[in-house]
Amino acid sequence: MTGFFFVIIALGIYDLWAMRKRNMKKEIIIYSVLSVMVAAIGFYYYQDPLSRSFAGLLLNLLGFKE
């Protein structure tokens, strides 16, 4: 599993390097924000796969029943 994370990180660094080379500043920001969000969600579910989903938490926050 650790090797998989290193491959994903290496590919992300390569993508950012290629975008920087082509001067794609807006895309770098969007890519970085989405990458951090996906990493946070993945880490959340990796720690406790049986926890409540984000959709369920959002619906509960908005006052809807699951």
N, C-alpha and C. Protein backbone atom coordinates (compact mmCIF):
# COMPACT_ATOMS: atom_id res chain seq x y z
N MET A 1 0.82 -1.19 0.00
CA MET A 1 0.00 0.00 0.00
C MET A 1 0.87 1.26 0.00
N THR A 2 1.97 1.21 0.71
CA THR A 2 2.86 2.37 0.77
C THR A 2 3.45 2.66 -0.60
N GLY A 3 3.80 1.62 -1.33
CA GLY A 3 4.33 1.79 -2.68
C GLY A 3 3.33 2.47 -3.60
N PHE A 4 2.05 2.11 -3.44
CA PHE A 4 1.00 2.74 -4.23
C PHE A 4 0.93 4.24 -3.95
N PHE A 5 1.02 4.62 -2.68
CA PHE A 5 0.99 6.04 -2.33
C PHE A 5 2.18 6.78 -2.93
N PHE A 6 3.36 6.16 -2.92
CA PHE A 6 4.53 6.80 -3.50
C PHE A 6 4.39 6.97 -5.01
N VAL A 7 3.78 6.00 -5.68
CA VAL A 7 3.55 6.13 -7.12
C VAL A 7 2.59 7.27 -7.41
N ILE A 8 1.52 7.36 -6.64
CA ILE A 8 0.54 8.44 -6.83
C ILE A 8 1.19 9.81 -6.59
N ILE A 9 1.99 9.91 -5.55
CA ILE A 9 2.67 11.18 -5.25
C ILE A 9 3.65 11.53 -6.36
N ALA A 10 4.39 10.55 -6.85
CA ALA A 10 5.34 10.80 -7.93
C ALA A 10 4.63 11.26 -9.20
N LEU A 11 3.51 10.64 -9.52
CA LEU A 11 2.75 11.07 -10.71
C LEU A 11 2.18 12.47 -10.53
N GLY A 12 1.75 12.79 -9.33
CA GLY A 12 1.25 14.14 -9.06
C GLY A 12 2.34 15.19 -9.21
N ILE A 13 3.53 14.88 -8.72
CA ILE A 13 4.66 15.81 -8.85
C ILE A 13 5.02 15.98 -10.32
N TYR A 14 5.00 14.89 -11.07
CA TYR A 14 5.28 14.97 -12.51
C TYR A 14 4.24 15.83 -13.21
N ASP A 15 2.96 15.64 -12.89
CA ASP A 15 1.90 16.46 -13.49
C ASP A 15 2.10 17.94 -13.18
N LEU A 16 2.40 18.25 -11.92
CA LEU A 16 2.62 19.65 -11.54
C LEU A 16 3.82 20.23 -12.27
N TRP A 17 4.86 19.44 -12.42
CA TRP A 17 6.07 19.90 -13.13
C TRP A 17 5.74 20.21 -14.59
N ALA A 18 4.95 19.32 -15.23
CA ALA A 18 4.57 19.52 -16.63
C ALA A 18 3.68 20.75 -16.78
N MET A 19 2.77 20.97 -15.84
CA MET A 19 1.90 22.15 -15.90
C MET A 19 2.71 23.43 -15.69
N ARG A 20 3.67 23.37 -14.78
CA ARG A 20 4.51 24.54 -14.53
C ARG A 20 5.35 24.87 -15.76
N LYS A 21 5.80 23.85 -16.44
CA LYS A 21 6.62 24.04 -17.64
C LYS A 21 5.81 24.75 -18.73
N ARG A 22 4.49 24.46 -18.80
CA ARG A 22 3.61 25.10 -19.79
C ARG A 22 2.94 26.36 -19.27
N ASN A 23 3.32 26.80 -18.06
CA ASN A 23 2.82 28.03 -17.45
C ASN A 23 1.29 28.00 -17.28
N MET A 24 0.77 26.92 -16.72
CA MET A 24 -0.67 26.75 -16.51
C MET A 24 -0.99 27.00 -15.04
N LYS A 25 -0.97 28.27 -14.63
CA LYS A 25 -1.10 28.61 -13.22
C LYS A 25 -2.48 28.28 -12.65
N LYS A 26 -3.55 28.58 -13.38
CA LYS A 26 -4.89 28.29 -12.89
C LYS A 26 -5.10 26.79 -12.71
N GLU A 27 -4.61 26.01 -13.67
CA GLU A 27 -4.76 24.57 -13.60
C GLU A 27 -3.97 23.97 -12.45
N ILE A 28 -2.82 24.56 -12.14
CA ILE A 28 -2.01 24.08 -11.01
C ILE A 28 -2.77 24.27 -9.71
N ILE A 29 -3.41 25.41 -9.56
CA ILE A 29 -4.17 25.69 -8.33
C ILE A 29 -5.34 24.73 -8.19
N ILE A 30 -6.10 24.55 -9.27
CA ILE A 30 -7.25 23.65 -9.24
C ILE A 30 -6.79 22.22 -8.98
N TYR A 31 -5.74 21.78 -9.64
CA TYR A 31 -5.21 20.43 -9.47
C TYR A 31 -4.75 20.21 -8.03
N SER A 32 -4.08 21.21 -7.46
CA SER A 32 -3.59 21.09 -6.09
C SER A 32 -4.74 21.02 -5.09
N VAL A 33 -5.74 21.87 -5.26
CA VAL A 33 -6.88 21.87 -4.34
C VAL A 33 -7.63 20.54 -4.41
N LEU A 34 -7.89 20.06 -5.62
CA LEU A 34 -8.59 18.79 -5.76
C LEU A 34 -7.76 17.63 -5.22
N SER A 35 -6.46 17.67 -5.42
CA SER A 35 -5.59 16.61 -4.90
C SER A 35 -5.61 16.57 -3.38
N VAL A 36 -5.58 17.72 -2.75
CA VAL A 36 -5.62 17.77 -1.29
C VAL A 36 -6.97 17.27 -0.78
N MET A 37 -8.07 17.65 -1.46
CA MET A 37 -9.39 17.18 -1.05
C MET A 37 -9.50 15.67 -1.17
N VAL A 38 -9.04 15.11 -2.28
CA VAL A 38 -9.11 13.66 -2.48
C VAL A 38 -8.24 12.94 -1.46
N ALA A 39 -7.05 13.49 -1.19
CA ALA A 39 -6.16 12.88 -0.20
C ALA A 39 -6.80 12.90 1.19
N ALA A 40 -7.46 14.00 1.54
CA ALA A 40 -8.10 14.10 2.85
C ALA A 40 -9.25 13.09 2.98
N ILE A 41 -10.07 12.97 1.94
CA ILE A 41 -11.17 12.01 1.97
C ILE A 41 -10.63 10.59 2.02
N GLY A 42 -9.61 10.31 1.22
CA GLY A 42 -9.00 8.98 1.23
C GLY A 42 -8.41 8.64 2.58
N PHE A 43 -7.74 9.59 3.19
CA PHE A 43 -7.16 9.36 4.51
C PHE A 43 -8.25 9.12 5.55
N TYR A 44 -9.34 9.88 5.45
CA TYR A 44 -10.47 9.73 6.37
C TYR A 44 -11.04 8.31 6.29
N TYR A 45 -11.28 7.83 5.09
CA TYR A 45 -11.85 6.49 4.93
C TYR A 45 -10.82 5.39 5.17
N TYR A 46 -9.56 5.66 4.93
CA TYR A 46 -8.52 4.67 5.19
C TYR A 46 -8.39 4.42 6.70
N GLN A 47 -8.58 5.45 7.50
CA GLN A 47 -8.47 5.31 8.96
C GLN A 47 -9.63 4.50 9.54
N ASP A 48 -10.85 4.72 9.01
CA ASP A 48 -12.03 4.01 9.52
C ASP A 48 -13.00 3.78 8.37
N PRO A 49 -12.86 2.67 7.65
CA PRO A 49 -13.70 2.45 6.47
C PRO A 49 -15.19 2.28 6.79
N LEU A 50 -15.53 1.98 8.02
CA LEU A 50 -16.94 1.78 8.37
C LEU A 50 -17.59 3.04 8.94
N SER A 51 -16.92 4.17 8.84
CA SER A 51 -17.48 5.41 9.37
C SER A 51 -18.59 5.93 8.46
N ARG A 52 -19.28 6.94 8.91
CA ARG A 52 -20.36 7.54 8.13
C ARG A 52 -19.78 8.23 6.90
N SER A 53 -20.55 8.24 5.85
CA SER A 53 -20.10 8.87 4.61
C SER A 53 -20.21 10.39 4.70
N PHE A 54 -19.48 11.06 3.82
CA PHE A 54 -19.57 12.52 3.78
C PHE A 54 -20.94 12.97 3.32
N ALA A 55 -21.55 12.22 2.40
CA ALA A 55 -22.90 12.56 1.95
C ALA A 55 -23.89 12.48 3.10
N GLY A 56 -23.76 11.44 3.92
CA GLY A 56 -24.64 11.30 5.09
C GLY A 56 -24.43 12.42 6.09
N LEU A 57 -23.18 12.78 6.31
CA LEU A 57 -22.89 13.89 7.23
C LEU A 57 -23.44 15.21 6.71
N LEU A 58 -23.32 15.43 5.39
CA LEU A 58 -23.85 16.66 4.80
C LEU A 58 -25.37 16.71 4.89
N LEU A 59 -26.03 15.59 4.59
CA LEU A 59 -27.49 15.55 4.70
C LEU A 59 -27.95 15.77 6.14
N ASN A 60 -27.23 15.20 7.09
CA ASN A 60 -27.56 15.40 8.49
C ASN A 60 -27.37 16.87 8.88
N LEU A 61 -26.33 17.49 8.37
CA LEU A 61 -26.07 18.90 8.65
C LEU A 61 -27.18 19.79 8.08
N LEU A 62 -27.71 19.40 6.91
CA LEU A 62 -28.77 20.17 6.27
C LEU A 62 -30.15 19.88 6.86
N GLY A 63 -30.24 18.89 7.75
CA GLY A 63 -31.49 18.60 8.43
C GLY A 63 -32.30 17.48 7.81
N PHE A 64 -31.77 16.77 6.82
CA PHE A 64 -32.46 15.66 6.20
C PHE A 64 -32.10 14.38 6.95
N LYS A 65 -33.05 13.44 6.96
CA LYS A 65 -32.78 12.14 7.56
C LYS A 65 -32.10 11.25 6.54
N GLU A 66 -31.24 10.35 7.02
CA GLU A 66 -30.57 9.41 6.11
C GLU A 66 -31.49 8.28 5.75
